[in-house]
Amino acid sequence: MSAPAGTPSSAPPSAQRPAAGGVQTVRRVITYLLLLTMVVIAAIGLSGLLERGLDAGNLLASSDTGGLAQSLAFSLIAGPLAALLWWLTWRESAMERDRASVAWPLYLVVVSTIALLTSSIALFAWGASLVVGEANASGIAVAIVWGLVWLWHYWMWRHPAKGPTRLVGVAPAIASLVGLTFATGGLVFALASLIDSALGTFGTVVASGPAWQPVVQSLFWAVGGALIWWWHWFRAGVRRQSTGFANVLLVYIAGFASFAVFAFGVTLTLSVVLRLLTLSEDPLTVTLDPLGVSIASAVFGALVLVYHLRVVAGHPVVIGKAVRLVTSGVALAVAATGVGVTVNALLAAIASPIVGSAIVRDLLLGGISALVVGGALWWSSWRPGRAGAADRVATPGRRIYLVVIFGVSALVALITLLVIGYQSFSFALDGASSGSLVERLRAALGLFAATVLVAAYHFSLWRHDRAATVAQEVPRMIGRVTLVTSADAGEPVEVIVEAIREATGSRVTVWKRAAAVADEPDAAALVAALDGVEADHVLLVAGPKGAAEVIRLSD
C-alpha cells in the first residue's frame, strides 16, 4: 500500500504496512522454510533424547546406538541452526521488514498447528494408556518437547512489538478447531462405549478389560480437547473474531462438520431401528453393533450444531445464509446417496431375488434411511416451496451454490454414464460372462439416477434465477477499509467494524490513534461517509466534531 501524499508524521509505523516484495519475498520464504525445517528436526531429536532420559529402565545409550546417534545429530546440529535462524529473524531490523509480511504469520500458523497437534495427540494417548497401565516414556517426551515448541510460538504470536500484523486470528482459530475435534470425538466414543457396554455389544475392548476403561480413555481425550478449545475460543478471543477466516471456520463448523456428524448419526440410528422392525435375521448383537456410535454422533453433533448456530445468530446475516446453503448441500448429499443406494438395492432384488436377500434388505433399509433423513433435513434447510422467492434469489452466494451443485452432479453423472456404457458393451461382447447385465449396472444406475435428479433440479433453479429481475447480490463497492480511530478497544470498535462490514461487505482493519480525539463520529456517520464510494482500498479517518474523512488508496 502506498500512503497518500502529505501523510503526517503520526502515520502508523512501517511495521504495520505491507512488506516490500521482490527479492525480500524470496528471502523470507527461504528463511522461514529453513527455520521450519530446523525446528521440526531439532524437536524430533530432543524428543528422542528426553525419552531416553525419562526411561529409567534403559541406559542412555543401550543397544540402539543408531537411534541415539540420530537424536544427538538432530539436536546438536539442527538445534543451534534453528536458534541462529530464529535470532536472525527476531532482530528488530528484521521484524521491521517482516512483521507485516504474509510469510511471518504463515510460518507461525504452520509450526503452531504442527506443534499443537503433535503434543496434544502424544499427551492424550499417553494419558489414555495410563488407564490400562501401558504408558511409556515416548509419549510424554514428545508431548513435553512439542508443547514447549507450541508455547514458544504462541509467545511470538502474542508479542506486542514483534507479533504479526496480518492473519492475526488464523492460528488461534485453527487451534480452537483442533480442540473442538478432540473434545467432540472423545465424547462421542465415550458415550458409544457406555451404550455398547449396556447393550453387551462392545466386543473386543470389553473382553480385554473392564468396561470403564474405554470410557475413561475417551474422556481423557475429551477433557484435553475441551481445554484447548476453551482457551482459544474464549481466552484468545476466537469467538469474537469477525475476520474472513473466522467466518469461514464458523460456516465450516456449523454448516458442514457438526451437521454432517448429526446427519450421519440419525441416518445410522434409523437404519438400525428399521432392521429391528423388519426382524433382521442377523444376531441381535450384530444388528445393534452400530447403535452406540450412531446415537453418540447424533447427540453430540446436535449439541455442537445448536451452540454454533447461536454464535452464528450474533454475526452478520450473510453468515447465517452461508451456513444454510452449506447445510442444504450436506443434506442434499445424504438424500442423493439414499436415492442411489435405494435404486441399487431394488435392482439387486430384481436381479437376484433369492441369493443374498439379507444383504439386499440391509442395503435397501440403509438407502431408505439416508433418503428419509437427508430429504427431511434438506427440505427444512432449503425450503423448496420458497426456492424461487425474491428474497431467496437475492441471497449472496446462491448462484455459486447452484452452479457448484449442478456442475458436480453433472460431472458425476457423465462419468457414471461412461461406466454404464463400458459395462454394457463388455457384457454384450463377452459371451461367456457370468451374471446378469442388471447385476453389473445396478450400482452405476443408482448413482446415475441420483445425480441426474440433483443436476436437473438445480439447473432449473439456476435458469429461473437468471431470468429473474431481482438483483442477485449487492455489489461490493469497496474491497478493504482501514479505519483510523481513537475509540477504546472492545464494544465501540466492534460495533463500528460490524456496521461498516454489513454496509459495504468489505474487510475492515482498525488502526488506533496514539492521542484521543473528542466527539468522533458514530457508526452510522462513518457508514454514511462511505456511501457511493468505489475503491479497492479506502482509508476512513474518524476526526473530531463528528467529521469523517474518506481517502482512496492505491495498492
Protein backbone atom coordinates (compact mmCIF):
# COMPACT_ATOMS: atom_id res chain seq x y z
CA MET A 1 0.00 0.00 0.00
CA SER A 2 1.35 3.45 -0.80
CA ALA A 3 0.29 6.19 1.55
CA PRO A 4 -1.33 9.31 0.11
CA ALA A 5 0.69 12.41 -0.39
CA GLY A 6 1.05 14.59 2.65
CA THR A 7 0.80 11.78 5.17
CA PRO A 8 1.55 13.28 8.60
CA SER A 9 4.39 12.11 10.80
CA SER A 10 1.86 10.40 13.08
CA ALA A 11 1.11 7.74 10.43
CA PRO A 12 1.25 4.15 11.55
CA PRO A 13 4.74 2.68 11.90
CA SER A 14 6.27 0.87 9.00
CA ALA A 15 5.80 -2.42 10.76
CA GLN A 16 2.07 -2.16 10.07
CA ARG A 17 2.47 -1.54 6.34
CA PRO A 18 2.65 -4.31 3.77
CA ALA A 19 6.19 -5.57 3.48
CA ALA A 20 8.22 -5.00 0.35
CA GLY A 21 8.15 -7.78 -2.20
CA GLY A 22 10.64 -8.90 -4.84
CA VAL A 23 13.90 -10.30 -3.52
CA GLN A 24 12.68 -9.72 0.05
CA THR A 25 9.82 -12.14 -0.55
CA VAL A 26 12.24 -14.80 -1.80
CA ARG A 27 14.46 -14.17 1.22
CA ARG A 28 11.54 -14.55 3.62
CA VAL A 29 10.26 -17.76 2.03
CA ILE A 30 13.69 -19.40 2.13
CA THR A 31 14.44 -18.22 5.67
CA TYR A 32 11.16 -19.38 7.15
CA LEU A 33 11.25 -22.70 5.29
CA LEU A 34 14.72 -23.34 6.68
CA LEU A 35 13.61 -22.29 10.16
CA LEU A 36 10.55 -24.56 9.95
CA THR A 37 12.71 -27.50 8.87
CA MET A 38 15.31 -26.96 11.58
CA VAL A 39 12.69 -26.53 14.32
CA VAL A 40 10.95 -29.78 13.35
CA ILE A 41 14.22 -31.74 13.13
CA ALA A 42 15.52 -30.33 16.43
CA ALA A 43 12.22 -31.15 18.18
CA ILE A 44 12.40 -34.75 16.93
CA GLY A 45 15.94 -35.08 18.21
CA LEU A 46 15.19 -33.56 21.61
CA SER A 47 12.14 -35.82 21.97
CA GLY A 48 14.35 -38.86 21.41
CA LEU A 49 16.91 -37.70 23.97
CA LEU A 50 14.25 -36.84 26.54
CA GLU A 51 12.62 -40.24 26.04
CA ARG A 52 15.91 -41.94 26.87
CA GLY A 53 16.36 -39.73 29.91
CA LEU A 54 12.88 -40.46 31.24
CA ASP A 55 13.06 -44.20 30.62
CA ALA A 56 14.73 -45.39 33.80
CA GLY A 57 14.74 -48.97 32.59
CA ASN A 58 17.15 -48.19 29.75
CA LEU A 59 20.70 -46.97 29.75
CA LEU A 60 21.21 -43.74 27.85
CA ALA A 61 22.99 -45.49 25.03
CA SER A 62 21.54 -49.02 25.45
CA SER A 63 21.94 -51.09 22.32
CA ASP A 64 20.23 -48.67 19.98
CA THR A 65 23.31 -46.67 19.04
CA GLY A 66 21.76 -45.68 15.70
CA GLY A 67 18.75 -44.09 17.35
CA LEU A 68 20.93 -42.28 19.87
CA ALA A 69 23.20 -41.02 17.10
CA GLN A 70 20.22 -39.71 15.18
CA SER A 71 18.81 -37.92 18.22
CA LEU A 72 22.19 -36.36 19.00
CA ALA A 73 22.70 -35.25 15.39
CA PHE A 74 19.22 -33.77 15.16
CA SER A 75 19.57 -31.97 18.49
CA LEU A 76 23.16 -30.72 18.30
CA ILE A 77 23.14 -29.70 14.64
CA ALA A 78 19.56 -28.66 13.86
CA GLY A 79 19.06 -27.09 17.31
CA PRO A 80 21.84 -24.45 17.05
CA LEU A 81 20.94 -23.77 13.41
CA ALA A 82 17.31 -23.19 14.41
CA ALA A 83 18.43 -20.84 17.18
CA LEU A 84 20.64 -18.91 14.74
CA LEU A 85 17.89 -18.58 12.14
CA TRP A 86 15.42 -17.51 14.80
CA TRP A 87 17.82 -14.84 16.08
CA LEU A 88 18.29 -13.51 12.54
CA THR A 89 14.53 -13.21 12.04
CA TRP A 90 13.71 -11.95 15.53
CA ARG A 91 16.02 -8.92 15.46
CA GLU A 92 14.40 -5.51 15.45
CA SER A 93 15.71 -4.70 11.97
CA ALA A 94 14.34 -7.95 10.53
CA MET A 95 10.96 -7.64 12.22
CA GLU A 96 10.53 -4.09 10.93
CA ARG A 97 10.64 -5.54 7.41
CA ASP A 98 8.89 -8.86 8.02
CA ARG A 99 6.21 -8.17 10.59
CA ALA A 100 3.64 -7.05 8.01
CA SER A 101 4.52 -9.79 5.51
CA VAL A 102 2.40 -12.88 4.95
CA ALA A 103 5.37 -15.22 5.37
CA TRP A 104 5.81 -14.48 9.09
CA PRO A 105 2.24 -15.35 10.20
CA LEU A 106 2.16 -18.34 7.81
CA TYR A 107 5.28 -19.73 9.46
CA LEU A 108 3.75 -19.26 12.90
CA VAL A 109 0.48 -20.88 11.81
CA VAL A 110 2.19 -23.94 10.33
CA VAL A 111 4.58 -24.56 13.23
CA SER A 112 1.99 -23.77 15.91
CA THR A 113 -0.52 -26.16 14.36
CA ILE A 114 2.06 -28.94 13.93
CA ALA A 115 3.29 -28.48 17.49
CA LEU A 116 -0.22 -28.37 18.97
CA LEU A 117 -1.34 -31.49 17.09
CA THR A 118 1.81 -33.45 17.90
CA SER A 119 1.98 -32.51 21.57
CA SER A 120 -1.75 -32.94 22.27
CA ILE A 121 -2.05 -36.28 20.47
CA ALA A 122 1.05 -37.60 22.27
CA LEU A 123 -0.17 -36.31 25.65
CA PHE A 124 -3.71 -37.63 25.30
CA ALA A 125 -2.51 -41.00 24.03
CA TRP A 126 -0.05 -41.22 26.93
CA GLY A 127 -2.76 -40.32 29.46
CA ALA A 128 -5.20 -42.80 27.91
CA SER A 129 -2.55 -45.54 28.07
CA LEU A 130 -2.14 -44.88 31.81
CA VAL A 131 -5.65 -46.22 32.28
CA VAL A 132 -4.57 -49.68 31.15
CA GLY A 133 -1.08 -49.42 32.65
CA GLU A 134 0.76 -49.33 29.33
CA ALA A 135 2.25 -45.82 29.43
CA ASN A 136 5.81 -45.34 28.21
CA ALA A 137 8.30 -42.50 28.12
CA SER A 138 7.92 -41.86 24.40
CA GLY A 139 4.50 -40.20 24.63
CA ILE A 140 5.30 -37.85 27.48
CA ALA A 141 8.66 -36.91 25.95
CA VAL A 142 7.07 -35.94 22.65
CA ALA A 143 4.32 -34.07 24.49
CA ILE A 144 6.79 -32.04 26.57
CA VAL A 145 9.11 -31.06 23.73
CA TRP A 146 6.41 -30.18 21.23
CA GLY A 147 4.40 -28.47 23.95
CA LEU A 148 7.37 -26.18 24.59
CA VAL A 149 7.64 -25.52 20.86
CA TRP A 150 3.98 -24.54 20.82
CA LEU A 151 4.39 -22.24 23.84
CA TRP A 152 7.40 -20.60 22.22
CA HIS A 153 5.50 -19.83 19.02
CA TYR A 154 2.36 -18.80 20.93
CA TRP A 155 4.51 -16.26 22.79
CA MET A 156 5.89 -14.94 19.50
CA TRP A 157 2.38 -14.74 18.06
CA ARG A 158 1.16 -12.68 21.00
CA HIS A 159 4.28 -10.49 21.26
CA PRO A 160 3.09 -6.83 21.33
CA ALA A 161 6.04 -5.45 19.32
CA LYS A 162 7.02 -8.33 17.03
CA GLY A 163 3.89 -10.37 16.56
CA PRO A 164 2.37 -10.47 13.06
CA THR A 165 0.02 -7.71 11.94
CA ARG A 166 -1.66 -9.87 9.27
CA LEU A 167 -3.66 -13.08 9.65
CA VAL A 168 -3.59 -12.45 13.39
CA GLY A 169 -6.56 -14.70 14.14
CA VAL A 170 -5.70 -17.72 11.99
CA ALA A 171 -3.56 -19.75 14.41
CA PRO A 172 -5.96 -19.45 17.38
CA ALA A 173 -8.92 -20.28 15.13
CA ILE A 174 -7.25 -23.44 13.83
CA ALA A 175 -6.26 -24.39 17.39
CA SER A 176 -9.87 -23.99 18.55
CA LEU A 177 -10.99 -26.30 15.73
CA VAL A 178 -8.38 -28.86 16.79
CA GLY A 179 -9.61 -28.74 20.38
CA LEU A 180 -13.26 -28.97 19.34
CA THR A 181 -12.48 -32.01 17.18
CA PHE A 182 -10.71 -33.81 20.03
CA ALA A 183 -13.42 -32.90 22.54
CA THR A 184 -16.32 -33.96 20.32
CA GLY A 185 -14.61 -37.15 19.20
CA GLY A 186 -13.77 -38.11 22.76
CA LEU A 187 -17.32 -37.52 23.95
CA VAL A 188 -18.76 -39.50 21.03
CA PHE A 189 -16.58 -42.52 21.73
CA ALA A 190 -17.18 -42.27 25.49
CA LEU A 191 -20.96 -42.31 25.08
CA ALA A 192 -20.70 -45.00 22.41
CA SER A 193 -18.70 -47.15 24.82
CA LEU A 194 -21.33 -46.73 27.52
CA ILE A 195 -24.18 -47.60 25.17
CA ASP A 196 -22.37 -50.60 23.70
CA SER A 197 -21.48 -51.85 27.15
CA ALA A 198 -25.08 -51.54 28.25
CA LEU A 199 -26.20 -53.45 25.18
CA GLY A 200 -23.48 -56.05 25.61
CA THR A 201 -22.07 -55.45 22.14
CA PHE A 202 -18.85 -53.62 22.78
CA GLY A 203 -16.80 -56.63 21.71
CA THR A 204 -13.05 -56.99 21.98
CA VAL A 205 -12.34 -53.92 24.11
CA VAL A 206 -14.70 -55.03 26.86
CA ALA A 207 -13.40 -58.56 26.64
CA SER A 208 -9.83 -57.37 27.20
CA GLY A 209 -10.54 -55.32 30.31
CA PRO A 210 -13.15 -53.59 32.46
CA ALA A 211 -15.93 -51.78 30.63
CA TRP A 212 -14.99 -48.44 32.21
CA GLN A 213 -11.54 -48.36 30.63
CA PRO A 214 -12.55 -47.23 27.13
CA VAL A 215 -14.91 -44.66 28.64
CA VAL A 216 -12.16 -43.12 30.77
CA GLN A 217 -9.71 -43.20 27.86
CA SER A 218 -12.17 -41.37 25.63
CA LEU A 219 -12.96 -38.85 28.38
CA PHE A 220 -9.25 -38.10 28.70
CA TRP A 221 -9.23 -37.01 25.05
CA ALA A 222 -12.49 -35.12 25.52
CA VAL A 223 -11.29 -33.13 28.54
CA GLY A 224 -7.95 -32.30 26.93
CA GLY A 225 -9.62 -31.18 23.70
CA ALA A 226 -12.18 -29.14 25.63
CA LEU A 227 -9.41 -27.27 27.45
CA ILE A 228 -7.68 -26.45 24.16
CA TRP A 229 -10.96 -25.29 22.65
CA TRP A 230 -11.98 -23.23 25.69
CA TRP A 231 -8.63 -21.44 25.89
CA HIS A 232 -8.63 -20.36 22.26
CA TRP A 233 -12.36 -19.87 21.85
CA PHE A 234 -12.83 -17.66 24.91
CA ARG A 235 -9.45 -16.56 26.27
CA ALA A 236 -7.76 -16.00 22.90
CA GLY A 237 -10.94 -14.40 21.55
CA VAL A 238 -11.75 -16.62 18.57
CA ARG A 239 -15.45 -16.37 19.42
CA ARG A 240 -15.33 -12.60 18.97
CA GLN A 241 -13.37 -12.65 15.72
CA SER A 242 -15.08 -11.30 12.63
CA THR A 243 -12.31 -11.80 10.10
CA GLY A 244 -12.82 -13.66 6.85
CA PHE A 245 -11.03 -16.79 8.08
CA ALA A 246 -13.00 -16.86 11.34
CA ASN A 247 -16.25 -16.57 9.40
CA VAL A 248 -15.24 -19.40 7.06
CA LEU A 249 -14.34 -21.52 10.09
CA LEU A 250 -17.71 -20.81 11.68
CA VAL A 251 -19.54 -21.74 8.48
CA TYR A 252 -17.50 -24.94 8.25
CA ILE A 253 -18.28 -26.00 11.84
CA ALA A 254 -21.96 -25.02 11.89
CA GLY A 255 -22.82 -25.72 8.28
CA PHE A 256 -20.73 -28.75 7.44
CA ALA A 257 -18.87 -30.61 10.19
CA SER A 258 -21.37 -30.71 13.05
CA PHE A 259 -24.34 -31.01 10.69
CA ALA A 260 -22.70 -33.92 8.85
CA VAL A 261 -21.96 -35.74 12.13
CA PHE A 262 -25.56 -35.23 13.23
CA ALA A 263 -26.98 -36.42 9.90
CA PHE A 264 -24.71 -39.47 9.93
CA GLY A 265 -25.80 -40.39 13.45
CA VAL A 266 -29.51 -40.01 12.76
CA THR A 267 -29.27 -41.94 9.49
CA LEU A 268 -27.40 -44.85 11.04
CA THR A 269 -29.76 -44.93 14.04
CA LEU A 270 -32.81 -45.06 11.78
CA SER A 271 -31.20 -47.85 9.76
CA VAL A 272 -30.71 -49.95 12.92
CA VAL A 273 -34.29 -49.30 14.02
CA LEU A 274 -35.65 -50.37 10.62
CA ARG A 275 -33.59 -53.55 10.74
CA LEU A 276 -35.07 -54.33 14.16
CA LEU A 277 -38.61 -53.62 12.97
CA THR A 278 -38.22 -55.85 9.92
CA LEU A 279 -36.94 -58.71 12.11
CA SER A 280 -33.44 -58.97 10.68
CA GLU A 281 -32.05 -62.50 10.51
CA ASP A 282 -28.69 -61.34 11.86
CA PRO A 283 -27.88 -61.96 15.55
CA LEU A 284 -29.13 -59.20 17.81
CA THR A 285 -25.60 -58.22 18.80
CA VAL A 286 -24.68 -57.71 15.14
CA THR A 287 -27.79 -55.65 14.47
CA LEU A 288 -27.24 -53.41 17.50
CA ASP A 289 -23.49 -53.04 16.99
CA PRO A 290 -23.62 -49.59 15.24
CA LEU A 291 -26.16 -48.16 17.68
CA GLY A 292 -23.67 -46.76 20.18
CA VAL A 293 -21.70 -44.73 17.65
CA SER A 294 -24.84 -43.63 15.83
CA ILE A 295 -26.63 -42.32 18.93
CA ALA A 296 -23.50 -40.64 20.27
CA SER A 297 -22.82 -38.96 16.90
CA ALA A 298 -26.39 -37.69 16.69
CA VAL A 299 -26.36 -36.35 20.26
CA PHE A 300 -23.05 -34.51 20.23
CA GLY A 301 -23.35 -33.46 16.61
CA ALA A 302 -26.64 -31.81 17.54
CA LEU A 303 -25.14 -30.13 20.63
CA VAL A 304 -22.21 -28.68 18.69
CA LEU A 305 -24.57 -27.61 15.90
CA VAL A 306 -27.03 -25.85 18.21
CA TYR A 307 -24.27 -24.00 20.07
CA HIS A 308 -22.61 -22.72 16.91
CA LEU A 309 -25.93 -21.73 15.37
CA ARG A 310 -26.41 -19.47 18.39
CA VAL A 311 -22.98 -17.99 17.70
CA VAL A 312 -23.91 -17.52 14.03
CA ALA A 313 -27.03 -15.63 15.11
CA GLY A 314 -24.78 -12.95 16.60
CA HIS A 315 -22.90 -12.45 13.33
CA PRO A 316 -23.97 -10.61 10.17
CA VAL A 317 -26.96 -12.11 8.37
CA VAL A 318 -24.80 -13.18 5.43
CA ILE A 319 -23.00 -15.70 7.65
CA GLY A 320 -26.29 -17.35 8.58
CA LYS A 321 -27.29 -17.53 4.93
CA ALA A 322 -23.96 -19.14 4.07
CA VAL A 323 -24.49 -21.72 6.81
CA ARG A 324 -27.94 -22.51 5.42
CA LEU A 325 -26.52 -23.06 1.93
CA VAL A 326 -23.81 -25.40 3.23
CA THR A 327 -26.26 -27.41 5.35
CA SER A 328 -28.53 -27.72 2.33
CA GLY A 329 -25.63 -29.14 0.36
CA VAL A 330 -24.77 -31.67 3.06
CA ALA A 331 -28.41 -32.76 3.43
CA LEU A 332 -28.73 -33.00 -0.35
CA ALA A 333 -25.67 -35.27 -0.49
CA VAL A 334 -27.21 -37.57 2.14
CA ALA A 335 -30.56 -37.67 0.32
CA ALA A 336 -28.90 -38.30 -3.06
CA THR A 337 -26.90 -41.13 -1.51
CA GLY A 338 -30.16 -42.58 -0.25
CA VAL A 339 -31.67 -42.42 -3.73
CA GLY A 340 -28.68 -44.13 -5.28
CA VAL A 341 -28.50 -46.90 -2.66
CA THR A 342 -32.27 -47.50 -2.84
CA VAL A 343 -32.22 -47.87 -6.62
CA ASN A 344 -29.20 -50.15 -6.30
CA ALA A 345 -30.99 -52.36 -3.77
CA LEU A 346 -34.21 -52.53 -5.83
CA LEU A 347 -32.27 -53.56 -8.93
CA ALA A 348 -30.40 -56.15 -6.88
CA ALA A 349 -33.70 -57.60 -5.68
CA ILE A 350 -34.84 -57.88 -9.29
CA ALA A 351 -31.58 -59.43 -10.48
CA SER A 352 -31.22 -61.96 -7.63
CA PRO A 353 -34.44 -62.23 -5.61
CA ILE A 354 -33.20 -65.24 -3.62
CA VAL A 355 -29.42 -65.10 -3.38
CA GLY A 356 -28.18 -62.53 -0.90
CA SER A 357 -31.64 -61.41 0.14
CA ALA A 358 -30.44 -60.40 3.63
CA ILE A 359 -27.70 -58.21 2.17
CA VAL A 360 -30.15 -56.65 -0.29
CA ARG A 361 -32.62 -55.95 2.51
CA ASP A 362 -29.98 -54.26 4.66
CA LEU A 363 -28.85 -52.24 1.63
CA LEU A 364 -32.43 -51.18 0.95
CA LEU A 365 -33.05 -50.17 4.56
CA GLY A 366 -29.83 -48.17 4.60
CA GLY A 367 -30.85 -46.36 1.43
CA ILE A 368 -34.32 -45.62 2.75
CA SER A 369 -32.83 -44.27 5.99
CA ALA A 370 -30.48 -41.93 4.13
CA LEU A 371 -33.28 -40.81 1.81
CA VAL A 372 -35.70 -40.09 4.66
CA VAL A 373 -33.21 -38.30 6.92
CA GLY A 374 -31.41 -36.43 4.14
CA GLY A 375 -34.68 -35.50 2.45
CA ALA A 376 -36.20 -34.18 5.69
CA LEU A 377 -33.09 -32.16 6.56
CA TRP A 378 -32.81 -30.80 3.03
CA TRP A 379 -36.50 -29.84 2.98
CA SER A 380 -36.18 -27.97 6.29
CA SER A 381 -32.97 -26.17 5.35
CA TRP A 382 -33.60 -25.46 1.65
CA ARG A 383 -37.41 -25.00 1.81
CA PRO A 384 -38.10 -25.83 -1.85
CA GLY A 385 -41.56 -24.30 -1.69
CA ARG A 386 -39.94 -20.86 -1.40
CA ALA A 387 -36.88 -21.58 -3.54
CA GLY A 388 -37.99 -19.09 -6.19
CA ALA A 389 -38.95 -16.28 -3.80
CA ALA A 390 -37.35 -12.89 -4.43
CA ASP A 391 -35.53 -12.77 -1.09
CA ARG A 392 -34.14 -16.26 -1.71
CA VAL A 393 -32.99 -15.39 -5.22
CA ALA A 394 -31.08 -12.39 -3.83
CA THR A 395 -29.20 -14.49 -1.27
CA PRO A 396 -25.45 -13.86 -1.60
CA GLY A 397 -23.64 -16.87 -2.99
CA ARG A 398 -26.81 -18.65 -4.12
CA ARG A 399 -25.86 -18.75 -7.80
CA ILE A 400 -22.41 -20.06 -6.92
CA TYR A 401 -24.04 -22.78 -4.83
CA LEU A 402 -26.40 -23.75 -7.67
CA VAL A 403 -23.60 -23.85 -10.23
CA VAL A 404 -21.36 -25.93 -7.95
CA ILE A 405 -24.11 -28.46 -7.17
CA PHE A 406 -25.21 -28.68 -10.79
CA GLY A 407 -21.64 -28.91 -12.08
CA VAL A 408 -20.51 -31.61 -9.67
CA SER A 409 -23.70 -33.63 -10.19
CA ALA A 410 -23.45 -33.37 -13.97
CA LEU A 411 -19.79 -34.40 -13.91
CA VAL A 412 -20.52 -37.46 -11.77
CA ALA A 413 -23.49 -38.33 -13.99
CA LEU A 414 -21.33 -38.18 -17.12
CA ILE A 415 -18.62 -40.34 -15.59
CA THR A 416 -21.25 -42.82 -14.42
CA LEU A 417 -22.78 -42.86 -17.89
CA LEU A 418 -19.38 -43.84 -19.30
CA VAL A 419 -19.19 -46.66 -16.76
CA ILE A 420 -22.66 -47.84 -17.76
CA GLY A 421 -21.67 -47.82 -21.42
CA TYR A 422 -18.47 -49.71 -20.75
CA GLN A 423 -20.23 -52.39 -18.68
CA SER A 424 -22.98 -52.76 -21.31
CA PHE A 425 -20.56 -53.21 -24.21
CA SER A 426 -18.37 -55.51 -22.12
CA PHE A 427 -21.38 -57.70 -21.31
CA ALA A 428 -22.50 -57.78 -24.94
CA LEU A 429 -19.05 -58.64 -26.31
CA ASP A 430 -18.18 -61.24 -23.70
CA GLY A 431 -20.50 -64.15 -24.47
CA ALA A 432 -19.09 -66.31 -21.67
CA SER A 433 -19.65 -63.71 -18.95
CA SER A 434 -21.48 -64.84 -15.84
CA GLY A 435 -24.19 -62.87 -14.10
CA SER A 436 -26.84 -60.58 -15.48
CA LEU A 437 -26.48 -57.14 -17.03
CA VAL A 438 -28.58 -55.61 -14.24
CA GLU A 439 -26.21 -57.03 -11.64
CA ARG A 440 -23.32 -55.32 -13.38
CA LEU A 441 -25.08 -51.98 -13.79
CA ARG A 442 -27.13 -51.63 -10.60
CA ALA A 443 -24.58 -49.57 -8.61
CA ALA A 444 -23.87 -47.26 -11.54
CA LEU A 445 -27.57 -46.90 -12.39
CA GLY A 446 -28.38 -45.92 -8.81
CA LEU A 447 -25.68 -43.25 -8.79
CA PHE A 448 -26.71 -42.04 -12.24
CA ALA A 449 -30.37 -41.68 -11.21
CA ALA A 450 -29.46 -39.68 -8.09
CA THR A 451 -27.05 -37.30 -9.84
CA VAL A 452 -29.38 -36.70 -12.78
CA LEU A 453 -32.22 -35.72 -10.43
CA VAL A 454 -29.95 -33.36 -8.46
CA ALA A 455 -28.46 -31.80 -11.59
CA ALA A 456 -31.83 -31.30 -13.28
CA TYR A 457 -33.41 -29.63 -10.24
CA HIS A 458 -30.56 -27.22 -9.61
CA PHE A 459 -30.17 -26.41 -13.29
CA SER A 460 -33.83 -25.42 -13.46
CA LEU A 461 -33.39 -23.20 -10.41
CA TRP A 462 -30.30 -21.61 -11.94
CA ARG A 463 -32.23 -20.80 -15.13
CA HIS A 464 -35.04 -19.35 -13.03
CA ASP A 465 -32.58 -17.11 -11.15
CA ARG A 466 -31.02 -15.90 -14.41
CA ALA A 467 -34.43 -14.91 -15.74
CA ALA A 468 -35.42 -13.18 -12.50
CA THR A 469 -35.27 -9.39 -12.32
CA VAL A 470 -34.15 -9.47 -8.68
CA ALA A 471 -30.58 -8.35 -8.15
CA GLN A 472 -28.52 -11.35 -7.22
CA GLU A 473 -26.19 -9.69 -4.75
CA VAL A 474 -25.41 -6.23 -3.50
CA PRO A 475 -22.32 -5.21 -5.50
CA ARG A 476 -19.20 -4.82 -3.41
CA MET A 477 -18.12 -1.22 -3.98
CA ILE A 478 -15.17 -1.26 -1.56
CA GLY A 479 -12.70 -4.10 -1.20
CA ARG A 480 -10.99 -3.05 2.04
CA VAL A 481 -11.47 -0.34 4.65
CA THR A 482 -8.73 0.82 7.00
CA LEU A 483 -10.34 2.68 9.90
CA VAL A 484 -8.31 5.19 11.93
CA THR A 485 -9.98 5.87 15.28
CA SER A 486 -9.20 6.61 18.91
CA ALA A 487 -12.19 4.64 20.21
CA ASP A 488 -11.35 2.27 23.04
CA ALA A 489 -10.89 -1.36 22.12
CA GLY A 490 -13.91 -3.50 22.80
CA GLU A 491 -17.58 -2.95 22.17
CA PRO A 492 -17.47 0.52 20.47
CA VAL A 493 -14.87 -0.57 17.90
CA GLU A 494 -16.66 -3.88 17.27
CA VAL A 495 -19.95 -2.08 16.66
CA ILE A 496 -18.30 0.26 14.14
CA VAL A 497 -16.49 -2.56 12.36
CA GLU A 498 -19.63 -4.68 12.07
CA ALA A 499 -21.64 -1.71 10.76
CA ILE A 500 -19.05 -0.97 8.06
CA ARG A 501 -18.74 -4.62 7.10
CA GLU A 502 -22.51 -5.06 6.95
CA ALA A 503 -22.98 -1.98 4.77
CA THR A 504 -20.06 -2.48 2.37
CA GLY A 505 -19.20 -6.18 2.57
CA SER A 506 -15.54 -5.19 2.77
CA ARG A 507 -12.70 -6.30 5.00
CA VAL A 508 -12.06 -3.85 7.84
CA THR A 509 -8.73 -3.14 9.54
CA VAL A 510 -8.55 -0.86 12.59
CA TRP A 511 -5.64 1.50 13.34
CA LYS A 512 -5.66 3.08 16.80
CA ARG A 513 -4.70 6.73 17.20
CA ALA A 514 -1.96 7.50 19.71
CA ALA A 515 -3.92 10.52 21.02
CA ALA A 516 -7.63 10.58 21.73
CA VAL A 517 -9.99 12.69 19.59
CA ALA A 518 -13.10 14.27 21.06
CA ASP A 519 -16.56 13.79 19.55
CA GLU A 520 -15.67 11.18 16.95
CA PRO A 521 -18.45 10.20 14.53
CA ASP A 522 -20.53 7.18 15.42
CA ALA A 523 -21.00 4.04 13.35
CA ALA A 524 -23.93 5.48 11.35
CA ALA A 525 -21.95 8.59 10.40
CA LEU A 526 -18.94 6.56 9.29
CA VAL A 527 -21.12 4.27 7.17
CA ALA A 528 -22.81 7.31 5.62
CA ALA A 529 -19.39 8.72 4.71
CA LEU A 530 -18.68 5.59 2.68
CA ASP A 531 -21.95 5.80 0.74
CA GLY A 532 -21.25 5.90 -3.01
CA VAL A 533 -17.50 5.37 -2.64
CA GLU A 534 -15.91 2.92 -5.10
CA ALA A 535 -12.34 1.79 -4.46
CA ASP A 536 -10.28 -1.30 -3.75
CA HIS A 537 -8.87 0.21 -0.56
CA VAL A 538 -10.19 3.14 1.47
CA LEU A 539 -8.70 4.94 4.45
CA LEU A 540 -11.51 6.10 6.74
CA VAL A 541 -10.39 8.64 9.35
CA ALA A 542 -12.71 9.37 12.27
CA GLY A 543 -11.99 13.02 13.09
CA PRO A 544 -13.09 15.48 15.76
CA LYS A 545 -16.55 17.06 15.94
CA GLY A 546 -18.19 14.22 14.04
CA ALA A 547 -16.04 14.65 10.92
CA ALA A 548 -15.21 11.60 8.79
CA GLU A 549 -12.61 11.74 6.02
CA VAL A 550 -12.51 9.14 3.24
CA ILE A 551 -9.25 8.72 1.30
CA ARG A 552 -8.96 6.35 -1.65
CA LEU A 553 -5.68 4.43 -1.59
CA SER A 554 -3.75 2.60 -4.27
CA ASP A 555 -2.11 -0.75 -3.62
